[in-house]
C-alpha atoms as a PDB file:
ATOM      1  CA  MET A   1      98.115-202.033 -21.647  1.00  0.00           C
ATOM      2  CA  VAL A   2     101.461-203.842 -21.403  1.00  0.00           C
ATOM      3  CA  ALA A   3     100.969-205.360 -24.863  1.00  0.00           C
ATOM      4  CA  GLN A   4     100.349-201.909 -26.311  1.00  0.00           C
ATOM      5  CA  ALA A   5     103.525-200.559 -24.647  1.00  0.00           C
ATOM      6  CA  ASN A   6     105.556-203.496 -26.016  1.00  0.00           C
ATOM      7  CA  ARG A   7     104.163-202.895 -29.493  1.00  0.00           C
ATOM      8  CA  MET A   8     105.003-199.186 -29.280  1.00  0.00           C
ATOM      9  CA  ASN A   9     108.550-200.034 -28.146  1.00  0.00           C
ATOM     10  CA  GLN A  10     108.923-202.458 -31.062  1.00  0.00           C
ATOM     11  CA  GLN A  11     107.655-199.813 -33.534  1.00  0.00           C
ATOM     12  CA  PHE A  12     110.028-197.258 -32.050  1.00  0.00           C
ATOM     13  CA  ARG A  13     113.016-199.611 -32.420  1.00  0.00           C
ATOM     14  CA  GLU A  14     112.052-200.358 -36.026  1.00  0.00           C
ATOM     15  CA  ALA A  15     111.687-196.661 -36.779  1.00  0.00           C
ATOM     16  CA  MET A  16     115.146-196.013 -35.336  1.00  0.00           C
ATOM     17  CA  GLU A  17     116.713-198.815 -37.399  1.00  0.00           C
ATOM     18  CA  ARG A  18     115.206-197.750 -40.752  1.00  0.00           C
ATOM     19  CA  PRO A  19     117.329-194.610 -41.250  1.00  0.00           C
ATOM     20  CA  GLY A  20     120.462-196.592 -40.472  1.00  0.00           C
ATOM     21  CA  GLU A  21     119.515-199.191 -43.059  1.00  0.00           C
ATOM     22  CA  LEU A  22     118.783-196.502 -45.635  1.00  0.00           C
ATOM     23  CA  VAL A  23     122.190-194.946 -45.051  1.00  0.00           C
ATOM     24  CA  LYS A  24     123.847-198.337 -45.490  1.00  0.00           C
ATOM     25  CA  ASP A  25     121.868-198.976 -48.692  1.00  0.00           C
ATOM     26  CA  TYR A  26     122.371-195.493 -50.197  1.00  0.00           C
ATOM     27  CA  PRO A  27     125.573-193.979 -48.756  1.00  0.00           C
ATOM     28  CA  LEU A  28     126.249-191.460 -51.527  1.00  0.00           C
ATOM     29  CA  ALA A  29     122.699-190.128 -51.610  1.00  0.00           C
ATOM     30  CA  SER A  30     122.668-189.878 -47.815  1.00  0.00           C
ATOM     31  CA  MET A  31     125.961-188.004 -47.778  1.00  0.00           C
ATOM     32  CA  LEU A  32     124.814-185.572 -50.467  1.00  0.00           C
ATOM     33  CA  LEU A  33     121.531-184.995 -48.643  1.00  0.00           C
ATOM     34  CA  MET A  34     123.333-184.156 -45.397  1.00  0.00           C
ATOM     35  CA  PHE A  35     125.825-181.948 -47.239  1.00  0.00           C
ATOM     36  CA  GLY A  36     122.984-180.041 -48.896  1.00  0.00           C
ATOM     37  CA  MET A  37     121.122-179.617 -45.644  1.00  0.00           C
ATOM     38  CA  GLY A  38     124.269-178.362 -43.901  1.00  0.00           C
ATOM     39  CA  LEU A  39     124.962-175.956 -46.731  1.00  0.00           C
ATOM     40  CA  GLY A  40     121.402-174.639 -46.617  1.00  0.00           C
ATOM     41  CA  VAL A  41     121.488-174.132 -42.858  1.00  0.00           C
ATOM     42  CA  GLY A  42     124.870-172.414 -43.156  1.00  0.00           C
ATOM     43  CA  VAL A  43     123.582-169.994 -45.782  1.00  0.00           C
ATOM     44  CA  ILE A  44     120.521-169.137 -43.712  1.00  0.00           C
ATOM     45  CA  VAL A  45     122.570-168.571 -40.550  1.00  0.00           C
ATOM     46  CA  SER A  46     125.174-166.452 -42.348  1.00  0.00           C
ATOM     47  CA  GLN A  47     122.486-164.337 -44.022  1.00  0.00           C
ATOM     48  CA  THR A  48     120.845-163.735 -40.655  1.00  0.00           C
ATOM     49  CA  ILE A  49     124.123-162.731 -39.033  1.00  0.00           C
ATOM     50  CA  CYS A  50     125.200-160.493 -41.933  1.00  0.00           C
ATOM     51  CA  ASN A  51     121.826-158.755 -42.145  1.00  0.00           C
ATOM     52  CA  SER A  52     121.817-157.985 -38.429  1.00  0.00           C
ATOM     53  CA  LEU A  53     125.367-156.612 -38.651  1.00  0.00           C
ATOM     54  CA  LEU A  54     124.499-154.464 -41.660  1.00  0.00           C
ATOM     55  CA  GLU A  55     121.479-153.004 -39.896  1.00  0.00           C
ATOM     56  CA  MET A  56     123.649-151.950 -36.957  1.00  0.00           C
ATOM     57  CA  ALA A  57     126.223-150.176 -39.133  1.00  0.00           C
ATOM     58  CA  GLU A  58     125.465-146.751 -40.501  1.00  0.00           C
ATOM     59  CA  PRO A  59     125.608-146.558 -44.268  1.00  0.00           C
ATOM     60  CA  GLU A  60     128.638-144.679 -45.479  1.00  0.00           C
ATOM     61  CA  PRO A  61     127.803-141.861 -47.873  1.00  0.00           C
ATOM     62  CA  SER A  62     128.791-142.410 -51.465  1.00  0.00           C
ATOM     63  CA  MET A  63     131.306-140.241 -53.296  1.00  0.00           C
ATOM     64  CA  THR A  64     128.435-138.418 -54.995  1.00  0.00           C
ATOM     65  CA  ASP A  65     126.821-137.596 -51.648  1.00  0.00           C
ATOM     66  CA  LYS A  66     130.134-136.329 -50.279  1.00  0.00           C
ATOM     67  CA  LEU A  67     130.706-134.139 -53.327  1.00  0.00           C
ATOM     68  CA  ARG A  68     127.130-132.802 -53.183  1.00  0.00           C
ATOM     69  CA  ARG A  69     127.619-131.885 -49.511  1.00  0.00           C
ATOM     70  CA  GLN A  70     130.858-130.037 -50.341  1.00  0.00           C
ATOM     71  CA  VAL A  71     129.186-128.102 -53.167  1.00  0.00           C
ATOM     72  CA  TYR A  72     126.224-127.149 -50.940  1.00  0.00           C
ATOM     73  CA  ASP A  73     128.611-125.988 -48.222  1.00  0.00           C
ATOM     74  CA  ALA A  74     130.592-123.898 -50.703  1.00  0.00           C
ATOM     75  CA  LEU A  75     127.427-122.407 -52.196  1.00  0.00           C
ATOM     76  CA  GLY A  76     126.049-121.743 -48.711  1.00  0.00           C
ATOM     77  CA  HIS A  77     128.773-119.138 -48.217  1.00  0.00           C
ATOM     78  CA  VAL A  78     127.972-117.370 -51.482  1.00  0.00           C
ATOM     79  CA  LEU A  79     124.202-117.685 -52.077  1.00  0.00           C
ATOM     80  CA  THR A  80     121.307-116.528 -49.969  1.00  0.00           C
ATOM     81  CA  PRO A  81     119.339-119.227 -48.138  1.00  0.00           C
ATOM     82  CA  SER A  82     116.365-118.914 -50.522  1.00  0.00           C
ATOM     83  CA  MET A  83     118.617-119.325 -53.565  1.00  0.00           C
ATOM     84  CA  LEU A  84     120.335-122.336 -51.950  1.00  0.00           C
ATOM     85  CA  LYS A  85     116.937-123.974 -51.338  1.00  0.00           C
ATOM     86  CA  GLN A  86     116.127-123.424 -55.011  1.00  0.00           C
ATOM     87  CA  VAL A  87     119.368-125.093 -56.089  1.00  0.00           C
ATOM     88  CA  GLN A  88     118.675-128.016 -53.743  1.00  0.00           C
ATOM     89  CA  SER A  89     115.179-128.445 -55.169  1.00  0.00           C
ATOM     90  CA  TYR A  90     116.667-128.784 -58.666  1.00  0.00           C
ATOM     91  CA  THR A  91     119.166-131.418 -57.622  1.00  0.00           C
ATOM     92  CA  SER A  92     116.898-133.536 -55.407  1.00  0.00           C
END
């Protein structure tokens, strides 16, 4: 049992030393890998934050929607309700 624990400790130490050796052997590749991973995580986090903020905000009506609302309001004072529904059915 003790021999197995010593062997596991030795394997663990070797596994912890390997990444350090790889970084020493390939510094540029290691740096680019970490940069890419950081960039990817940053994009994912920013997308998540932006999407949650956009869902909370109410969409602002476009200029076309504002103009349509003004025209319907103006026509509502002149036309009967049935005629206004007919106009709305043409424009929808």
